[in-house]
Amino acid sequence: MTRFDALLLALTLGAPPAPAAAPAPQVKIHEVLGGPAGYLDLHNVGAAAADLGGWSLRSCTGGPAPVELALLPVGAEIYADGHFLVAAGGFGGTEVAGLVVPEIPGDGQMLLDQRRVRVDSVAWTSASPCRERDAAVACPGLAESRDAFSRDTDDNRADFSCARSRR
């Protein structure tokens, strides 16, 4: 073994192990119903709790870029396989909302993490900047909903279907 090899081995063996990176939160838009009595349900499909503090919800309202609907507060969290409900002021359901907003406007919604990186989005019009690949089928009077596992193929038409709302 050369002197260089011995030094390299000593440095390698003596180096502390690199810390394991925490897995990225796996939060999906599970269900959305637009309007003044609407709601948006976020689902954590990951195995660990997801800290949503500082995350942003955006609405696509016909313009070229989404507009901020809400900034999720510090302490907002979804446990593994849990849900977080954002409800409009006129929401008449029995579930407790983690956050209340005036309404759920527009033709789509987008979820951004605290770095403002898109985590998930859904839209039901083909021109919406919230759309992932093909737009979901429009569901007048009904909610746009994923399956129970919040399956996400990055194609809104494949991932969302019409469902009875929680009102």
N, C-alpha and C. Protein backbone atom coordinates (compact mmCIF):
# COMPACT_ATOMS: atom_id res chain seq x y z
N MET A 1 0.86 -1.16 0.00
CA MET A 1 0.00 0.00 0.00
C MET A 1 0.91 1.22 0.00
N THR A 2 0.62 2.13 -0.89
CA THR A 2 1.41 3.36 -0.96
C THR A 2 0.99 4.30 0.15
N ARG A 3 1.82 5.28 0.36
CA ARG A 3 1.53 6.29 1.38
C ARG A 3 0.20 7.01 1.06
N PHE A 4 -0.01 7.29 -0.22
CA PHE A 4 -1.25 7.96 -0.65
C PHE A 4 -2.46 7.09 -0.36
N ASP A 5 -2.34 5.77 -0.68
CA ASP A 5 -3.45 4.85 -0.41
C ASP A 5 -3.77 4.79 1.08
N ALA A 6 -2.74 4.75 1.91
CA ALA A 6 -2.94 4.70 3.36
C ALA A 6 -3.63 5.97 3.85
N LEU A 7 -3.21 7.12 3.33
CA LEU A 7 -3.82 8.38 3.72
C LEU A 7 -5.28 8.42 3.28
N LEU A 8 -5.54 7.98 2.07
CA LEU A 8 -6.91 7.96 1.55
C LEU A 8 -7.79 7.03 2.39
N LEU A 9 -7.26 5.86 2.75
CA LEU A 9 -8.01 4.92 3.57
C LEU A 9 -8.30 5.51 4.95
N ALA A 10 -7.31 6.15 5.54
CA ALA A 10 -7.50 6.76 6.87
C ALA A 10 -8.55 7.87 6.82
N LEU A 11 -8.50 8.66 5.78
CA LEU A 11 -9.48 9.74 5.65
C LEU A 11 -10.89 9.19 5.43
N THR A 12 -10.97 8.14 4.64
CA THR A 12 -12.27 7.54 4.35
C THR A 12 -12.86 6.90 5.60
N LEU A 13 -12.06 6.12 6.32
CA LEU A 13 -12.56 5.44 7.50
C LEU A 13 -12.83 6.40 8.65
N GLY A 14 -12.07 7.47 8.72
CA GLY A 14 -12.22 8.42 9.82
C GLY A 14 -13.30 9.45 9.57
N ALA A 15 -13.80 9.52 8.36
CA ALA A 15 -14.81 10.54 8.04
C ALA A 15 -16.15 10.12 8.64
N PRO A 16 -16.84 11.06 9.27
CA PRO A 16 -18.16 10.72 9.80
C PRO A 16 -19.12 10.46 8.64
N PRO A 17 -20.09 9.58 8.86
CA PRO A 17 -21.04 9.30 7.78
C PRO A 17 -21.87 10.55 7.46
N ALA A 18 -22.18 10.67 6.20
CA ALA A 18 -23.01 11.80 5.77
C ALA A 18 -24.41 11.61 6.34
N PRO A 19 -25.03 12.70 6.81
CA PRO A 19 -26.38 12.56 7.35
C PRO A 19 -27.36 12.17 6.24
N ALA A 20 -28.30 11.34 6.60
CA ALA A 20 -29.31 10.93 5.62
C ALA A 20 -30.24 12.11 5.34
N ALA A 21 -30.50 12.31 4.09
CA ALA A 21 -31.40 13.40 3.70
C ALA A 21 -32.83 13.02 4.06
N ALA A 22 -33.56 13.97 4.60
CA ALA A 22 -34.97 13.72 4.91
C ALA A 22 -35.73 13.58 3.60
N PRO A 23 -36.65 12.63 3.54
CA PRO A 23 -37.41 12.49 2.30
C PRO A 23 -38.28 13.73 2.06
N ALA A 24 -38.42 14.08 0.81
CA ALA A 24 -39.27 15.23 0.46
C ALA A 24 -40.72 14.89 0.79
N PRO A 25 -41.46 15.86 1.34
CA PRO A 25 -42.87 15.60 1.63
C PRO A 25 -43.61 15.20 0.35
N GLN A 26 -44.54 14.28 0.51
CA GLN A 26 -45.32 13.78 -0.62
C GLN A 26 -46.78 14.20 -0.44
N VAL A 27 -47.04 15.47 -0.71
CA VAL A 27 -48.37 16.03 -0.51
C VAL A 27 -49.03 16.22 -1.87
N LYS A 28 -50.27 15.80 -1.97
CA LYS A 28 -51.03 15.90 -3.22
C LYS A 28 -52.32 16.69 -3.00
N ILE A 29 -52.76 17.37 -4.05
CA ILE A 29 -54.11 17.93 -4.03
C ILE A 29 -55.03 16.75 -4.26
N HIS A 30 -55.79 16.39 -3.25
CA HIS A 30 -56.63 15.20 -3.32
C HIS A 30 -58.00 15.51 -3.92
N GLU A 31 -58.57 16.65 -3.52
CA GLU A 31 -59.91 16.98 -3.99
C GLU A 31 -60.09 18.49 -3.95
N VAL A 32 -60.85 19.02 -4.91
CA VAL A 32 -61.12 20.46 -4.94
C VAL A 32 -62.51 20.71 -5.48
N LEU A 33 -63.17 21.66 -4.84
CA LEU A 33 -64.46 22.17 -5.30
C LEU A 33 -64.34 23.69 -5.28
N GLY A 34 -64.49 24.31 -6.43
CA GLY A 34 -64.36 25.76 -6.51
C GLY A 34 -65.59 26.49 -6.02
N GLY A 35 -65.40 27.79 -5.76
CA GLY A 35 -66.51 28.66 -5.42
C GLY A 35 -66.48 29.16 -3.99
N PRO A 36 -67.48 29.98 -3.62
CA PRO A 36 -67.53 30.57 -2.28
C PRO A 36 -67.87 29.56 -1.18
N ALA A 37 -68.35 28.38 -1.55
CA ALA A 37 -68.63 27.32 -0.58
C ALA A 37 -67.72 26.12 -0.83
N GLY A 38 -66.64 26.34 -1.56
CA GLY A 38 -65.76 25.25 -1.97
C GLY A 38 -64.73 24.87 -0.92
N TYR A 39 -63.84 23.99 -1.33
CA TYR A 39 -62.77 23.51 -0.45
C TYR A 39 -61.66 22.91 -1.29
N LEU A 40 -60.53 22.72 -0.65
CA LEU A 40 -59.38 22.06 -1.25
C LEU A 40 -58.82 21.12 -0.19
N ASP A 41 -58.71 19.85 -0.52
CA ASP A 41 -58.23 18.83 0.42
C ASP A 41 -56.83 18.41 0.00
N LEU A 42 -55.86 18.58 0.90
CA LEU A 42 -54.49 18.13 0.67
C LEU A 42 -54.30 16.79 1.37
N HIS A 43 -53.60 15.86 0.72
CA HIS A 43 -53.38 14.51 1.26
C HIS A 43 -51.89 14.23 1.30
N ASN A 44 -51.38 13.86 2.47
CA ASN A 44 -49.98 13.46 2.61
C ASN A 44 -49.90 11.96 2.33
N VAL A 45 -49.35 11.59 1.19
CA VAL A 45 -49.24 10.18 0.83
C VAL A 45 -47.91 9.59 1.28
N GLY A 46 -47.09 10.39 1.96
CA GLY A 46 -45.79 9.93 2.44
C GLY A 46 -45.88 9.18 3.75
N ALA A 47 -44.74 8.61 4.18
CA ALA A 47 -44.67 7.83 5.41
C ALA A 47 -44.33 8.68 6.63
N ALA A 48 -44.01 9.95 6.42
CA ALA A 48 -43.66 10.85 7.53
C ALA A 48 -44.56 12.08 7.49
N ALA A 49 -44.67 12.75 8.62
CA ALA A 49 -45.46 13.98 8.68
C ALA A 49 -44.85 15.02 7.74
N ALA A 50 -45.70 15.88 7.19
CA ALA A 50 -45.25 16.94 6.28
C ALA A 50 -45.53 18.29 6.91
N ASP A 51 -44.48 19.11 7.05
CA ASP A 51 -44.60 20.47 7.58
C ASP A 51 -44.97 21.38 6.41
N LEU A 52 -46.15 21.97 6.46
CA LEU A 52 -46.64 22.83 5.38
C LEU A 52 -46.41 24.31 5.64
N GLY A 53 -45.81 24.66 6.76
CA GLY A 53 -45.58 26.06 7.09
C GLY A 53 -44.82 26.78 5.98
N GLY A 54 -45.39 27.86 5.47
CA GLY A 54 -44.75 28.63 4.40
C GLY A 54 -45.08 28.15 3.00
N TRP A 55 -45.81 27.04 2.86
CA TRP A 55 -46.21 26.60 1.53
C TRP A 55 -47.28 27.55 1.01
N SER A 56 -47.45 27.58 -0.31
CA SER A 56 -48.38 28.51 -0.94
C SER A 56 -49.40 27.76 -1.78
N LEU A 57 -50.65 28.19 -1.65
CA LEU A 57 -51.72 27.71 -2.54
C LEU A 57 -52.00 28.82 -3.53
N ARG A 58 -52.03 28.47 -4.81
CA ARG A 58 -52.29 29.45 -5.87
C ARG A 58 -53.53 29.04 -6.64
N SER A 59 -54.24 30.04 -7.14
CA SER A 59 -55.41 29.80 -7.98
C SER A 59 -55.14 30.29 -9.39
N CYS A 60 -55.58 29.54 -10.36
CA CYS A 60 -55.51 29.97 -11.75
C CYS A 60 -56.87 30.56 -12.09
N THR A 61 -56.88 31.84 -12.41
CA THR A 61 -58.14 32.56 -12.56
C THR A 61 -58.32 33.15 -13.96
N GLY A 62 -57.68 32.55 -14.95
CA GLY A 62 -57.84 33.02 -16.32
C GLY A 62 -56.69 33.86 -16.82
N GLY A 63 -55.83 34.32 -15.94
CA GLY A 63 -54.66 35.10 -16.34
C GLY A 63 -53.50 34.21 -16.72
N PRO A 64 -52.38 34.82 -17.11
CA PRO A 64 -51.23 34.04 -17.55
C PRO A 64 -50.49 33.34 -16.41
N ALA A 65 -50.70 33.78 -15.18
CA ALA A 65 -49.99 33.18 -14.05
C ALA A 65 -50.94 33.01 -12.87
N PRO A 66 -50.71 32.00 -12.05
CA PRO A 66 -51.55 31.79 -10.87
C PRO A 66 -51.39 32.94 -9.87
N VAL A 67 -52.44 33.19 -9.10
CA VAL A 67 -52.41 34.22 -8.06
C VAL A 67 -52.50 33.53 -6.70
N GLU A 68 -51.88 34.16 -5.69
CA GLU A 68 -51.86 33.53 -4.37
C GLU A 68 -53.25 33.48 -3.75
N LEU A 69 -53.64 32.31 -3.34
CA LEU A 69 -54.88 32.09 -2.62
C LEU A 69 -54.62 32.16 -1.12
N ALA A 70 -53.54 31.50 -0.68
CA ALA A 70 -53.22 31.46 0.75
C ALA A 70 -51.78 31.05 0.96
N LEU A 71 -51.21 31.56 2.03
CA LEU A 71 -49.90 31.13 2.51
C LEU A 71 -50.19 30.28 3.74
N LEU A 72 -49.75 29.03 3.72
CA LEU A 72 -50.05 28.14 4.84
C LEU A 72 -49.24 28.57 6.06
N PRO A 73 -49.89 28.63 7.21
CA PRO A 73 -49.23 29.19 8.41
C PRO A 73 -48.21 28.24 9.03
N VAL A 74 -47.30 28.83 9.78
CA VAL A 74 -46.34 28.05 10.56
C VAL A 74 -47.15 27.12 11.46
N GLY A 75 -46.73 25.89 11.55
CA GLY A 75 -47.44 24.90 12.37
C GLY A 75 -48.44 24.07 11.60
N ALA A 76 -48.73 24.45 10.35
CA ALA A 76 -49.62 23.64 9.52
C ALA A 76 -48.89 22.34 9.19
N GLU A 77 -49.51 21.23 9.49
CA GLU A 77 -48.85 19.94 9.32
C GLU A 77 -49.87 18.89 8.92
N ILE A 78 -49.41 17.93 8.14
CA ILE A 78 -50.25 16.77 7.81
C ILE A 78 -49.48 15.52 8.24
N TYR A 79 -50.10 14.72 9.08
CA TYR A 79 -49.47 13.47 9.47
C TYR A 79 -49.47 12.50 8.29
N ALA A 80 -48.66 11.46 8.38
CA ALA A 80 -48.59 10.45 7.32
C ALA A 80 -49.99 9.94 7.02
N ASP A 81 -50.34 9.91 5.76
CA ASP A 81 -51.65 9.49 5.26
C ASP A 81 -52.80 10.36 5.78
N GLY A 82 -52.47 11.56 6.24
CA GLY A 82 -53.49 12.47 6.75
C GLY A 82 -53.92 13.48 5.71
N HIS A 83 -54.91 14.29 6.08
CA HIS A 83 -55.48 15.30 5.19
C HIS A 83 -55.47 16.67 5.87
N PHE A 84 -55.43 17.71 5.07
CA PHE A 84 -55.50 19.10 5.54
C PHE A 84 -56.53 19.80 4.67
N LEU A 85 -57.57 20.34 5.29
CA LEU A 85 -58.67 20.94 4.56
C LEU A 85 -58.54 22.46 4.55
N VAL A 86 -58.56 23.03 3.36
CA VAL A 86 -58.65 24.48 3.17
C VAL A 86 -60.08 24.72 2.69
N ALA A 87 -60.85 25.47 3.46
CA ALA A 87 -62.27 25.66 3.13
C ALA A 87 -62.57 27.12 2.85
N ALA A 88 -63.48 27.33 1.92
CA ALA A 88 -63.98 28.68 1.63
C ALA A 88 -64.91 29.10 2.76
N GLY A 89 -65.11 30.40 2.91
CA GLY A 89 -65.94 30.94 3.98
C GLY A 89 -67.34 30.38 4.01
N GLY A 90 -67.91 30.03 2.86
CA GLY A 90 -69.27 29.51 2.80
C GLY A 90 -69.36 28.00 2.87
N PHE A 91 -68.24 27.32 3.16
CA PHE A 91 -68.22 25.86 3.23
C PHE A 91 -69.21 25.39 4.30
N GLY A 92 -70.08 24.45 3.94
CA GLY A 92 -71.09 23.98 4.86
C GLY A 92 -70.87 22.57 5.35
N GLY A 93 -69.69 22.02 5.11
CA GLY A 93 -69.42 20.65 5.55
C GLY A 93 -69.17 20.58 7.04
N THR A 94 -69.07 19.36 7.55
CA THR A 94 -68.87 19.15 8.98
C THR A 94 -67.41 19.00 9.37
N GLU A 95 -66.52 18.84 8.40
CA GLU A 95 -65.10 18.69 8.71
C GLU A 95 -64.52 20.02 9.16
N VAL A 96 -63.56 19.96 10.05
CA VAL A 96 -62.89 21.16 10.54
C VAL A 96 -61.80 21.54 9.56
N ALA A 97 -61.81 22.79 9.15
CA ALA A 97 -60.81 23.28 8.20
C ALA A 97 -59.53 23.69 8.93
N GLY A 98 -58.39 23.35 8.34
CA GLY A 98 -57.11 23.81 8.86
C GLY A 98 -56.86 25.26 8.52
N LEU A 99 -57.54 25.75 7.48
CA LEU A 99 -57.39 27.12 7.02
C LEU A 99 -58.68 27.52 6.30
N VAL A 100 -59.14 28.74 6.54
CA VAL A 100 -60.34 29.25 5.87
C VAL A 100 -59.94 30.43 4.99
N VAL A 101 -60.42 30.42 3.75
CA VAL A 101 -60.17 31.49 2.78
C VAL A 101 -61.53 32.01 2.30
N PRO A 102 -61.58 33.21 1.72
CA PRO A 102 -62.88 33.74 1.27
C PRO A 102 -63.59 32.84 0.27
N GLU A 103 -62.86 32.30 -0.71
CA GLU A 103 -63.43 31.40 -1.72
C GLU A 103 -62.31 30.60 -2.36
N ILE A 104 -62.69 29.60 -3.14
CA ILE A 104 -61.74 28.82 -3.94
C ILE A 104 -62.02 29.23 -5.39
N PRO A 105 -61.31 30.25 -5.89
CA PRO A 105 -61.63 30.79 -7.21
C PRO A 105 -60.91 30.08 -8.35
N GLY A 106 -61.34 30.37 -9.57
CA GLY A 106 -60.59 30.00 -10.76
C GLY A 106 -60.94 28.67 -11.38
N ASP A 107 -60.08 28.28 -12.32
CA ASP A 107 -60.26 27.04 -13.06
C ASP A 107 -59.17 26.03 -12.75
N GLY A 108 -58.46 26.25 -11.65
CA GLY A 108 -57.42 25.33 -11.23
C GLY A 108 -56.72 25.82 -9.98
N GLN A 109 -55.99 24.90 -9.35
CA GLN A 109 -55.26 25.21 -8.11
C GLN A 109 -53.86 24.62 -8.21
N MET A 110 -52.92 25.28 -7.51
CA MET A 110 -51.53 24.86 -7.53
C MET A 110 -50.98 24.92 -6.11
N LEU A 111 -50.18 23.93 -5.73
CA LEU A 111 -49.53 23.88 -4.43
C LEU A 111 -48.03 24.03 -4.63
N LEU A 112 -47.43 25.01 -3.95
CA LEU A 112 -45.99 25.25 -4.01
C LEU A 112 -45.38 25.05 -2.63
N ASP A 113 -44.18 24.48 -2.57
CA ASP A 113 -43.52 24.32 -1.27
C ASP A 113 -42.91 25.65 -0.83
N GLN A 114 -42.21 25.66 0.30
CA GLN A 114 -41.67 26.90 0.83
C GLN A 114 -40.59 27.52 -0.06
N ARG A 115 -40.02 26.75 -0.97
CA ARG A 115 -39.04 27.29 -1.94
C ARG A 115 -39.73 27.78 -3.21
N ARG A 116 -41.06 27.68 -3.25
CA ARG A 116 -41.91 28.07 -4.38
C ARG A 116 -41.72 27.15 -5.58
N VAL A 117 -41.45 25.88 -5.28
CA VAL A 117 -41.36 24.84 -6.30
C VAL A 117 -42.72 24.14 -6.35
N ARG A 118 -43.22 23.93 -7.55
CA ARG A 118 -44.52 23.28 -7.72
C ARG A 118 -44.47 21.86 -7.16
N VAL A 119 -45.42 21.57 -6.29
CA VAL A 119 -45.55 20.24 -5.70
C VAL A 119 -46.63 19.46 -6.43
N ASP A 120 -47.75 20.13 -6.69
CA ASP A 120 -48.87 19.49 -7.37
C ASP A 120 -49.81 20.56 -7.89
N SER A 121 -50.63 20.20 -8.87
CA SER A 121 -51.62 21.14 -9.38
C SER A 121 -52.71 20.39 -10.13
N VAL A 122 -53.83 21.09 -10.29
CA VAL A 122 -54.97 20.54 -11.02
C VAL A 122 -55.69 21.68 -11.72
N ALA A 123 -56.20 21.41 -12.90
CA ALA A 123 -57.03 22.38 -13.63
C ALA A 123 -58.03 21.62 -14.48
N TRP A 124 -59.14 22.29 -14.75
CA TRP A 124 -60.19 21.67 -15.56
C TRP A 124 -60.47 22.45 -16.83
N THR A 125 -59.54 23.32 -17.24
CA THR A 125 -59.59 23.95 -18.56
C THR A 125 -58.22 23.80 -19.21
N SER A 126 -58.22 23.62 -20.52
CA SER A 126 -56.96 23.33 -21.22
C SER A 126 -56.00 24.50 -21.25
N ALA A 127 -56.48 25.74 -21.08
CA ALA A 127 -55.60 26.90 -21.12
C ALA A 127 -55.03 27.28 -19.76
N SER A 128 -55.41 26.60 -18.72
CA SER A 128 -54.99 26.96 -17.36
C SER A 128 -53.52 26.65 -17.11
N PRO A 129 -52.77 27.60 -16.52
CA PRO A 129 -51.38 27.31 -16.16
C PRO A 129 -51.27 26.35 -14.97
N CYS A 130 -52.37 26.02 -14.34
CA CYS A 130 -52.36 25.04 -13.24
C CYS A 130 -52.45 23.60 -13.76
N ARG A 131 -52.71 23.43 -15.02
CA ARG A 131 -52.94 22.11 -15.62
C ARG A 131 -51.66 21.28 -15.63
N GLU A 132 -51.81 19.98 -15.37
CA GLU A 132 -50.75 19.00 -15.58
C GLU A 132 -51.17 18.14 -16.76
N ARG A 133 -50.45 18.24 -17.85
CA ARG A 133 -50.73 17.56 -19.11
C ARG A 133 -52.14 17.85 -19.57
N ASP A 134 -53.04 16.86 -19.64
CA ASP A 134 -54.42 17.11 -20.09
C ASP A 134 -55.27 17.58 -18.91
N ALA A 135 -56.13 18.56 -19.16
CA ALA A 135 -57.01 19.08 -18.12
C ALA A 135 -57.99 18.00 -17.66
N ALA A 136 -58.35 18.08 -16.39
CA ALA A 136 -59.38 17.19 -15.85
C ALA A 136 -60.71 17.51 -16.52
N VAL A 137 -61.60 16.56 -16.55
CA VAL A 137 -62.94 16.78 -17.08
C VAL A 137 -63.66 17.74 -16.13
N ALA A 138 -64.28 18.78 -16.67
CA ALA A 138 -65.02 19.73 -15.84
C ALA A 138 -66.19 19.03 -15.16
N CYS A 139 -66.44 19.38 -13.90
CA CYS A 139 -67.47 18.73 -13.10
C CYS A 139 -68.40 19.78 -12.49
N PRO A 140 -69.25 20.44 -13.28
CA PRO A 140 -70.12 21.48 -12.72
C PRO A 140 -70.95 20.96 -11.54
N GLY A 141 -70.82 21.63 -10.39
CA GLY A 141 -71.55 21.24 -9.19
C GLY A 141 -70.95 20.08 -8.42
N LEU A 142 -69.92 19.47 -8.96
CA LEU A 142 -69.26 18.34 -8.29
C LEU A 142 -67.80 18.69 -8.04
N ALA A 143 -67.16 17.91 -7.18
CA ALA A 143 -65.74 18.12 -6.88
C ALA A 143 -64.87 17.35 -7.87
N GLU A 144 -63.66 17.85 -8.07
CA GLU A 144 -62.61 17.12 -8.80
C GLU A 144 -61.89 16.30 -7.74
N SER A 145 -61.79 14.98 -7.91
CA SER A 145 -61.24 14.14 -6.86
C SER A 145 -60.31 13.06 -7.42
N ARG A 146 -59.24 12.77 -6.70
CA ARG A 146 -58.37 11.64 -7.03
C ARG A 146 -58.93 10.38 -6.37
N ASP A 147 -58.32 9.25 -6.66
CA ASP A 147 -58.73 8.02 -6.00
C ASP A 147 -58.28 8.05 -4.53
N ALA A 148 -58.61 7.04 -3.76
CA ALA A 148 -58.33 7.01 -2.32
C ALA A 148 -56.84 7.13 -2.01
N PHE A 149 -55.97 6.75 -2.95
CA PHE A 149 -54.53 6.79 -2.73
C PHE A 149 -53.90 8.07 -3.27
N SER A 150 -54.72 8.96 -3.82
CA SER A 150 -54.24 10.21 -4.44
C SER A 150 -53.22 9.92 -5.54
N ARG A 151 -53.51 8.92 -6.35
CA ARG A 151 -52.63 8.54 -7.48
C ARG A 151 -52.32 9.76 -8.32
N ASP A 152 -51.06 9.92 -8.70
CA ASP A 152 -50.62 11.09 -9.45
C ASP A 152 -49.72 10.67 -10.61
N THR A 153 -50.24 10.78 -11.83
CA THR A 153 -49.46 10.46 -13.03
C THR A 153 -49.02 11.72 -13.76
N ASP A 154 -49.26 12.88 -13.15
CA ASP A 154 -48.99 14.18 -13.77
C ASP A 154 -49.85 14.40 -15.01
N ASP A 155 -51.03 13.82 -15.03
CA ASP A 155 -52.01 14.03 -16.09
C ASP A 155 -53.37 14.20 -15.40
N ASN A 156 -53.86 15.43 -15.33
CA ASN A 156 -55.10 15.71 -14.60
C ASN A 156 -56.29 14.90 -15.12
N ARG A 157 -56.37 14.67 -16.41
CA ARG A 157 -57.50 13.91 -16.96
C ARG A 157 -57.48 12.47 -16.44
N ALA A 158 -56.30 11.89 -16.32
CA ALA A 158 -56.18 10.52 -15.82
C ALA A 158 -56.34 10.44 -14.30
N ASP A 159 -55.93 11.49 -13.60
CA ASP A 159 -55.87 11.44 -12.14
C ASP A 159 -57.14 11.87 -11.42
N PHE A 160 -57.95 12.73 -12.04
CA PHE A 160 -59.12 13.29 -11.36
C PHE A 160 -60.41 12.86 -12.04
N SER A 161 -61.43 12.67 -11.22
CA SER A 161 -62.77 12.38 -11.73
C SER A 161 -63.78 13.16 -10.91
N CYS A 162 -65.00 13.21 -11.39
CA CYS A 162 -66.06 13.95 -10.70
C CYS A 162 -66.55 13.15 -9.50
N ALA A 163 -66.78 13.85 -8.38
CA ALA A 163 -67.24 13.19 -7.16
C ALA A 163 -68.21 14.10 -6.42
N ARG A 164 -69.07 13.52 -5.63
CA ARG A 164 -69.96 14.32 -4.78
C ARG A 164 -69.11 15.14 -3.83
N SER A 165 -69.52 16.36 -3.60
CA SER A 165 -68.76 17.24 -2.71
C SER A 165 -69.05 16.92 -1.25
N ARG A 166 -68.26 17.49 -0.37
CA ARG A 166 -68.40 17.25 1.07
C ARG A 166 -69.43 18.15 1.74
N ARG A 167 -70.14 18.96 0.96
CA ARG A 167 -71.10 19.90 1.55
C ARG A 167 -72.29 19.18 2.10
